[in-house]
């Protein structure tokens, strides 16, 4: 079994393959927001470096969001196309939840925080309990203050991830931040969650693989505002 995982919701695209023994093969782009240009070449390189072919892939996973609207569209569309061509199942991986696999041995709350602008974030809080992920604060759009209040109410020690820790640095001056090497999105964690979802029978057809933007794009909101004027 080989699951191909695509991560394009953040600034740097990455691709990973996980096998049935949970070995991870990973390739990351150093470029910023160049997903469309580099995603498929990285996939081909990763396969070649590990003596694999596309025909060896059992399922294709995509980090479905939230995150960069354009990045989400690229990743989900690419995964759908690959799953259709290969005639394999697709796996929709919640981007925020995947961060739990960045720190599977951490005993407190794992809190990914993405910059959504206008003092808003996409965020959630997760905890490992008995080998399973518990969602303590629902992954959703929040005002930054609102989210931090919810985390404080949970009462656990916590570690923060994501680009929101930089965008709203004033709020995190005394917080425990994840080490830089695991702070941002990675296809490796997407692959690990994808494998668990696959084993739980949660793979879908390529038509059912959908993005999760969590809110409307800026252009859509402005259009609706004009219509309501």
Protein backbone atom coordinates (compact mmCIF):
# COMPACT_ATOMS: atom_id res chain seq x y z
CA UNK A 1 0.00 0.00 0.00
CA UNK A 2 1.22 3.47 -0.90
CA UNK A 3 -0.76 6.64 -0.21
CA UNK A 4 0.31 9.80 -2.00
CA UNK A 5 -0.38 12.99 0.00
CA UNK A 6 -0.39 16.56 -1.34
CA UNK A 7 -0.02 19.59 0.92
CA UNK A 8 -0.60 22.97 -0.73
CA UNK A 9 -2.53 24.97 1.87
CA UNK A 10 0.49 26.93 3.10
CA UNK A 11 3.29 28.94 1.55
CA UNK A 12 5.45 25.90 0.72
CA UNK A 13 4.08 22.91 -1.16
CA UNK A 14 5.12 19.41 -0.16
CA UNK A 15 4.44 15.85 -1.29
CA UNK A 16 4.70 12.66 0.72
CA UNK A 17 4.20 8.94 0.29
CA UNK A 18 3.40 6.64 3.20
CA UNK A 19 3.53 2.86 3.01
CA UNK A 20 1.81 0.18 5.09
CA UNK A 21 4.74 0.15 7.52
CA UNK A 22 4.23 3.91 8.02
CA UNK A 23 7.52 4.83 6.40
CA UNK A 24 7.36 8.38 5.05
CA UNK A 25 9.01 9.63 1.86
CA UNK A 26 8.86 13.42 1.66
CA UNK A 27 9.75 16.18 -0.76
CA UNK A 28 9.28 19.90 -0.05
CA UNK A 29 9.47 23.02 -2.17
CA UNK A 30 11.65 25.90 -0.99
CA UNK A 31 9.75 28.34 -3.18
CA UNK A 32 6.85 30.43 -1.91
CA UNK A 33 3.38 29.90 -3.39
CA UNK A 34 4.71 28.15 -6.50
CA UNK A 35 2.47 25.11 -6.03
CA UNK A 36 1.13 24.90 -9.55
CA UNK A 37 4.63 24.97 -11.02
CA UNK A 38 6.28 22.47 -8.68
CA UNK A 39 3.63 20.06 -7.37
CA UNK A 40 3.60 17.51 -10.18
CA UNK A 41 7.38 17.62 -10.84
CA UNK A 42 7.99 17.02 -7.12
CA UNK A 43 5.58 14.08 -7.23
CA UNK A 44 7.40 12.52 -10.16
CA UNK A 45 10.79 13.06 -8.50
CA UNK A 46 9.59 11.52 -5.23
CA UNK A 47 8.31 8.44 -7.03
CA UNK A 48 11.49 8.05 -9.05
CA UNK A 49 13.76 8.49 -6.02
CA UNK A 50 11.96 5.64 -4.27
CA UNK A 51 11.67 3.32 -7.28
CA UNK A 52 7.92 3.73 -7.44
CA UNK A 53 5.48 4.40 -10.27
CA UNK A 54 2.13 6.15 -10.23
CA UNK A 55 0.54 2.76 -10.82
CA UNK A 56 1.83 1.69 -7.38
CA UNK A 57 -0.29 4.31 -5.62
CA UNK A 58 -3.25 2.92 -3.66
CA UNK A 59 -4.97 6.23 -2.84
CA UNK A 60 -4.38 9.97 -3.22
CA UNK A 61 -4.84 12.36 -0.31
CA UNK A 62 -5.17 16.12 -0.33
CA UNK A 63 -4.92 18.59 2.52
CA UNK A 64 -8.38 20.07 2.01
CA UNK A 65 -8.10 23.29 4.01
CA UNK A 66 -8.37 25.75 5.52
CA UNK A 67 -5.45 27.81 4.28
CA UNK A 68 -4.57 29.58 1.06
CA UNK A 69 -7.65 29.55 -1.18
CA UNK A 70 -5.55 29.21 -4.33
CA UNK A 71 -3.34 26.57 -2.76
CA UNK A 72 -6.32 24.50 -1.63
CA UNK A 73 -7.80 24.58 -5.12
CA UNK A 74 -4.51 23.44 -6.67
CA UNK A 75 -4.02 20.58 -4.21
CA UNK A 76 -7.59 19.28 -4.29
CA UNK A 77 -7.85 19.57 -8.09
CA UNK A 78 -4.53 17.77 -8.55
CA UNK A 79 -5.53 14.97 -6.17
CA UNK A 80 -8.89 14.56 -7.89
CA UNK A 81 -7.23 14.35 -11.30
CA UNK A 82 -4.68 11.79 -10.12
CA UNK A 83 -7.29 9.66 -8.38
CA UNK A 84 -9.47 9.70 -11.50
CA UNK A 85 -6.65 8.80 -13.88
CA UNK A 86 -5.30 6.06 -11.58
CA UNK A 87 -8.80 4.81 -10.75
CA UNK A 88 -8.08 4.86 -7.01
CA UNK A 89 -9.80 6.34 -3.97
CA UNK A 90 -9.22 9.86 -2.70
CA UNK A 91 -8.83 10.99 0.92
CA UNK A 92 -9.85 14.41 2.21
CA UNK A 93 -7.51 15.37 5.06
CA UNK A 94 -8.54 18.19 7.43
CA UNK A 95 -5.54 20.51 7.44
CA UNK A 96 -5.84 21.67 11.05
CA UNK A 97 -6.30 18.16 12.41
CA UNK A 98 -3.22 16.95 10.54
CA UNK A 99 -1.09 19.09 12.85
CA UNK A 100 -1.70 16.58 15.63
CA UNK A 101 0.67 14.30 13.71
CA UNK A 102 3.37 16.96 13.87
CA UNK A 103 3.71 16.28 17.60
CA UNK A 104 2.21 12.86 18.39
CA UNK A 105 4.09 12.58 21.71
CA UNK A 106 3.05 15.99 23.05
CA UNK A 107 0.88 15.71 26.18
CA UNK A 108 -0.98 19.01 25.95
CA UNK A 109 -3.08 20.83 23.36
CA UNK A 110 -1.77 21.05 19.81
CA UNK A 111 -3.05 24.37 18.48
CA UNK A 112 -2.63 25.21 14.78
CA UNK A 113 -3.33 28.87 14.01
CA UNK A 114 -3.49 30.18 10.43
CA UNK A 115 -3.61 33.86 9.50
CA UNK A 116 -7.02 34.68 8.00
CA UNK A 117 -6.42 38.46 8.09
CA UNK A 118 -8.59 41.17 9.67
CA UNK A 119 -7.66 39.95 13.16
CA UNK A 120 -9.07 36.54 12.26
CA UNK A 121 -7.58 33.06 12.22
CA UNK A 122 -8.43 29.56 11.15
CA UNK A 123 -7.63 27.52 14.21
CA UNK A 124 -8.39 24.50 16.37
CA UNK A 125 -7.02 22.61 19.35
CA UNK A 126 -6.33 18.87 19.48
CA UNK A 127 -5.09 16.40 22.06
CA UNK A 128 -3.88 12.81 21.87
CA UNK A 129 -5.79 10.45 24.15
CA UNK A 130 -5.24 6.70 24.11
CA UNK A 131 -3.76 6.83 20.64
CA UNK A 132 -6.62 8.84 19.15
CA UNK A 133 -7.00 12.54 18.35
CA UNK A 134 -9.56 14.47 20.41
CA UNK A 135 -10.80 17.80 19.04
CA UNK A 136 -10.92 20.07 22.09
CA UNK A 137 -11.59 23.34 20.25
CA UNK A 138 -13.44 22.91 16.97
CA UNK A 139 -11.43 23.78 13.87
CA UNK A 140 -13.12 26.92 12.53
CA UNK A 141 -12.66 30.64 11.75
CA UNK A 142 -12.26 32.77 14.89
CA UNK A 143 -11.23 36.22 15.97
CA UNK A 144 -7.78 35.71 17.44
CA UNK A 145 -8.91 36.79 20.91
CA UNK A 146 -11.91 34.46 20.76
CA UNK A 147 -9.79 31.46 19.90
CA UNK A 148 -7.24 32.12 22.62
CA UNK A 149 -10.04 32.44 25.18
CA UNK A 150 -11.33 29.01 24.17
CA UNK A 151 -7.85 27.54 24.50
CA UNK A 152 -7.40 29.13 27.91
CA UNK A 153 -10.72 27.65 29.03
CA UNK A 154 -9.47 24.17 28.14
CA UNK A 155 -6.88 24.53 30.89
CA UNK A 156 -4.15 22.33 29.40
CA UNK A 157 -0.58 23.16 28.53
CA UNK A 158 -0.52 24.07 24.86
CA UNK A 159 1.82 24.44 21.91
CA UNK A 160 1.03 26.69 18.96
CA UNK A 161 1.69 26.00 15.27
CA UNK A 162 1.04 27.78 11.98
CA UNK A 163 1.75 31.11 10.30
CA UNK A 164 -0.74 32.84 12.60
CA UNK A 165 1.88 32.75 15.36
CA UNK A 166 3.96 35.13 13.25
CA UNK A 167 1.11 37.26 11.89
CA UNK A 168 -0.21 37.83 15.42
CA UNK A 169 3.12 37.63 17.22
CA UNK A 170 2.01 40.06 19.96
CA UNK A 171 -0.45 37.46 21.21
CA UNK A 172 2.17 34.72 21.39
CA UNK A 173 5.11 36.46 23.08
CA UNK A 174 4.87 34.24 26.16
CA UNK A 175 3.37 31.18 24.45
CA UNK A 176 5.10 27.90 23.70
CA UNK A 177 5.64 27.77 19.95
CA UNK A 178 6.33 24.57 18.07
CA UNK A 179 9.92 24.15 16.86
CA UNK A 180 10.37 25.79 13.47
CA UNK A 181 10.93 22.48 11.68
CA UNK A 182 7.39 21.32 12.55
CA UNK A 183 5.57 24.64 12.89
CA UNK A 184 4.11 24.83 9.39
CA UNK A 185 2.13 22.46 7.16
CA UNK A 186 3.80 19.28 5.96
CA UNK A 187 2.67 16.52 3.61
CA UNK A 188 4.23 14.05 6.07
CA UNK A 189 1.55 14.71 8.69
CA UNK A 190 -1.12 14.79 5.98
CA UNK A 191 0.04 11.34 4.88
CA UNK A 192 -0.10 9.95 8.43
CA UNK A 193 -3.65 11.17 8.99
CA UNK A 194 -4.61 9.98 5.49
CA UNK A 195 -3.42 6.47 6.33
CA UNK A 196 -5.56 6.41 9.47
CA UNK A 197 -8.59 7.69 7.57
CA UNK A 198 -8.02 5.09 4.85
CA UNK A 199 -7.87 2.29 7.44
CA UNK A 200 -11.13 3.60 8.92
CA UNK A 201 -12.84 3.26 5.54
CA UNK A 202 -13.11 7.02 5.00
CA UNK A 203 -11.65 7.15 1.49
CA UNK A 204 -14.02 8.56 -1.13
CA UNK A 205 -14.36 8.71 -4.90
CA UNK A 206 -12.51 11.52 -6.64
CA UNK A 207 -15.83 13.35 -7.22
CA UNK A 208 -16.41 13.45 -3.47
CA UNK A 209 -13.07 15.04 -2.64
CA UNK A 210 -13.97 18.64 -1.79
CA UNK A 211 -12.06 21.67 -0.48
CA UNK A 212 -12.86 23.15 2.90
CA UNK A 213 -12.23 26.89 2.72
CA UNK A 214 -14.12 27.55 6.00
CA UNK A 215 -15.29 30.89 4.65
CA UNK A 216 -15.95 32.67 1.39
CA UNK A 217 -13.14 34.22 -0.60
CA UNK A 218 -12.58 37.98 -0.39
CA UNK A 219 -13.86 38.48 -3.95
CA UNK A 220 -17.07 36.57 -3.17
CA UNK A 221 -17.71 38.61 -0.03
CA UNK A 222 -17.18 41.92 -1.87
CA UNK A 223 -19.54 40.81 -4.63
CA UNK A 224 -22.24 39.95 -2.11
CA UNK A 225 -21.73 43.28 -0.34
CA UNK A 226 -22.26 45.14 -3.62
CA UNK A 227 -25.42 43.17 -4.34
CA UNK A 228 -26.80 44.09 -0.93
CA UNK A 229 -26.05 47.81 -1.23
